[in-house]
Amino acid sequence: MKVGMVASHYPHAAYREEFIARVHQVCEVLLGTPGCLSAECWMSEDAVISIAQWESEEASAASFAAVEAAGLDVDYDEREARPREIVRLAAG
């Protein structure tokens, strides 16, 4: 079953460009893992939005393990103005 994720991040204005670059790096790693169908970075007026889709929950887990192994900075910290909003999806 295909699964997906939409994550809205709210970086402070001073960190917005840095945050966009970080999301692009994560997307590159996700796309390099088996079973990742798509990974994109979108922007709205106040948010940086990550949208990804995988062939399965196992593929999603493997992608995030690859992000962790790559040592990419994905921690929530003071650079973000408010908590992230993450929605996990499953195809019906």
C-alpha atoms as a PDB file:
ATOM      1  CA  MET A   1       0.000   0.000   0.000  1.00  0.00           C
ATOM      2  CA  LYS A   2       1.358   3.414  -0.935  1.00  0.00           C
ATOM      3  CA  VAL A   3       2.015   5.816   1.918  1.00  0.00           C
ATOM      4  CA  GLY A   4       2.786   9.505   1.994  1.00  0.00           C
ATOM      5  CA  MET A   5       3.659  12.396   4.227  1.00  0.00           C
ATOM      6  CA  VAL A   6       2.955  16.113   4.207  1.00  0.00           C
ATOM      7  CA  ALA A   7       5.063  18.038   6.706  1.00  0.00           C
ATOM      8  CA  SER A   8       4.618  21.767   7.228  1.00  0.00           C
ATOM      9  CA  HIS A   9       7.583  23.536   8.800  1.00  0.00           C
ATOM     10  CA  TYR A  10       7.536  27.130  10.004  1.00  0.00           C
ATOM     11  CA  PRO A  11      11.073  28.529  10.092  1.00  0.00           C
ATOM     12  CA  HIS A  12      11.751  32.035  11.356  1.00  0.00           C
ATOM     13  CA  ALA A  13      12.354  34.410   8.433  1.00  0.00           C
ATOM     14  CA  ALA A  14      16.096  34.578   9.199  1.00  0.00           C
ATOM     15  CA  TYR A  15      16.366  30.779   8.699  1.00  0.00           C
ATOM     16  CA  ARG A  16      13.946  30.300   5.803  1.00  0.00           C
ATOM     17  CA  GLU A  17      16.520  29.941   2.999  1.00  0.00           C
ATOM     18  CA  GLU A  18      18.689  27.655   5.129  1.00  0.00           C
ATOM     19  CA  PHE A  19      15.640  25.547   5.936  1.00  0.00           C
ATOM     20  CA  ILE A  20      14.645  25.275   2.269  1.00  0.00           C
ATOM     21  CA  ALA A  21      18.167  24.068   1.462  1.00  0.00           C
ATOM     22  CA  ARG A  22      17.941  21.474   4.255  1.00  0.00           C
ATOM     23  CA  VAL A  23      14.616  20.177   2.931  1.00  0.00           C
ATOM     24  CA  HIS A  24      16.083  19.855  -0.572  1.00  0.00           C
ATOM     25  CA  GLN A  25      18.981  17.807   0.854  1.00  0.00           C
ATOM     26  CA  VAL A  26      16.554  15.491   2.643  1.00  0.00           C
ATOM     27  CA  CYS A  27      14.499  15.115  -0.545  1.00  0.00           C
ATOM     28  CA  GLU A  28      17.626  14.095  -2.478  1.00  0.00           C
ATOM     29  CA  VAL A  29      18.385  11.353   0.029  1.00  0.00           C
ATOM     30  CA  LEU A  30      14.771  10.163   0.097  1.00  0.00           C
ATOM     31  CA  LEU A  31      14.668   9.980  -3.696  1.00  0.00           C
ATOM     32  CA  GLY A  32      17.835   7.863  -3.686  1.00  0.00           C
ATOM     33  CA  THR A  33      16.221   5.103  -1.646  1.00  0.00           C
ATOM     34  CA  PRO A  34      14.320   2.149  -3.115  1.00  0.00           C
ATOM     35  CA  GLY A  35      10.566   2.588  -3.006  1.00  0.00           C
ATOM     36  CA  CYS A  36      10.514   6.379  -2.719  1.00  0.00           C
ATOM     37  CA  LEU A  37       8.172   7.532  -5.469  1.00  0.00           C
ATOM     38  CA  SER A  38       8.471  11.288  -4.939  1.00  0.00           C
ATOM     39  CA  ALA A  39       9.888  13.867  -2.554  1.00  0.00           C
ATOM     40  CA  GLU A  40       9.413  17.589  -3.045  1.00  0.00           C
ATOM     41  CA  CYS A  41       9.821  20.899  -1.279  1.00  0.00           C
ATOM     42  CA  TRP A  42       6.980  23.407  -1.571  1.00  0.00           C
ATOM     43  CA  MET A  43       6.618  26.848  -0.052  1.00  0.00           C
ATOM     44  CA  SER A  44       3.685  28.906   1.123  1.00  0.00           C
ATOM     45  CA  GLU A  45       3.748  32.386   2.570  1.00  0.00           C
ATOM     46  CA  ASP A  46       4.695  31.175   6.042  1.00  0.00           C
ATOM     47  CA  ALA A  47       5.656  27.514   5.643  1.00  0.00           C
ATOM     48  CA  VAL A  48       8.142  25.198   3.987  1.00  0.00           C
ATOM     49  CA  ILE A  49       6.271  22.031   3.081  1.00  0.00           C
ATOM     50  CA  SER A  50       7.777  18.595   2.504  1.00  0.00           C
ATOM     51  CA  ILE A  51       5.669  16.189   0.456  1.00  0.00           C
ATOM     52  CA  ALA A  52       6.804  12.599  -0.094  1.00  0.00           C
ATOM     53  CA  GLN A  53       5.318   9.330  -1.303  1.00  0.00           C
ATOM     54  CA  TRP A  54       6.536   5.722  -1.003  1.00  0.00           C
ATOM     55  CA  GLU A  55       5.536   2.294  -2.282  1.00  0.00           C
ATOM     56  CA  SER A  56       5.111   1.022   1.297  1.00  0.00           C
ATOM     57  CA  GLU A  57       5.547   1.803   4.971  1.00  0.00           C
ATOM     58  CA  GLU A  58       8.760  -0.254   4.895  1.00  0.00           C
ATOM     59  CA  ALA A  59      10.145   1.909   2.082  1.00  0.00           C
ATOM     60  CA  SER A  60       9.282   5.032   4.069  1.00  0.00           C
ATOM     61  CA  ALA A  61      11.077   3.706   7.146  1.00  0.00           C
ATOM     62  CA  ALA A  62      14.135   2.808   5.051  1.00  0.00           C
ATOM     63  CA  SER A  63      14.194   6.305   3.547  1.00  0.00           C
ATOM     64  CA  PHE A  64      14.206   7.962   6.953  1.00  0.00           C
ATOM     65  CA  ALA A  65      16.916   5.578   8.134  1.00  0.00           C
ATOM     66  CA  ALA A  66      18.982   6.730   5.140  1.00  0.00           C
ATOM     67  CA  VAL A  67      18.416  10.381   6.101  1.00  0.00           C
ATOM     68  CA  GLU A  68      19.624   9.628   9.625  1.00  0.00           C
ATOM     69  CA  ALA A  69      22.633   7.685   8.318  1.00  0.00           C
ATOM     70  CA  ALA A  70      23.520  10.628   6.062  1.00  0.00           C
ATOM     71  CA  GLY A  71      23.738  12.833   9.154  1.00  0.00           C
ATOM     72  CA  LEU A  72      21.336  15.433   7.808  1.00  0.00           C
ATOM     73  CA  ASP A  73      20.009  18.081  10.184  1.00  0.00           C
ATOM     74  CA  VAL A  74      16.306  17.354  10.700  1.00  0.00           C
ATOM     75  CA  ASP A  75      15.992  18.346  14.353  1.00  0.00           C
ATOM     76  CA  TYR A  76      13.261  20.695  15.494  1.00  0.00           C
ATOM     77  CA  ASP A  77      14.818  23.617  17.352  1.00  0.00           C
ATOM     78  CA  GLU A  78      14.690  27.376  17.926  1.00  0.00           C
ATOM     79  CA  ARG A  79      15.089  28.051  14.188  1.00  0.00           C
ATOM     80  CA  GLU A  80      11.414  27.180  13.796  1.00  0.00           C
ATOM     81  CA  ALA A  81       8.740  29.631  14.931  1.00  0.00           C
ATOM     82  CA  ARG A  82       6.181  26.966  15.820  1.00  0.00           C
ATOM     83  CA  PRO A  83       5.883  23.169  15.914  1.00  0.00           C
ATOM     84  CA  ARG A  84       5.840  21.200  12.706  1.00  0.00           C
ATOM     85  CA  GLU A  85       2.589  19.764  11.422  1.00  0.00           C
ATOM     86  CA  ILE A  86       3.077  16.265  10.016  1.00  0.00           C
ATOM     87  CA  VAL A  87       0.305  14.309   8.334  1.00  0.00           C
ATOM     88  CA  ARG A  88       0.927  10.667   7.425  1.00  0.00           C
ATOM     89  CA  LEU A  89      -1.191   9.320   4.553  1.00  0.00           C
ATOM     90  CA  ALA A  90      -2.103   5.888   3.215  1.00  0.00           C
ATOM     91  CA  ALA A  91      -3.656   5.155  -0.183  1.00  0.00           C
ATOM     92  CA  GLY A  92      -7.100   3.651   0.046  1.00  0.00           C
END
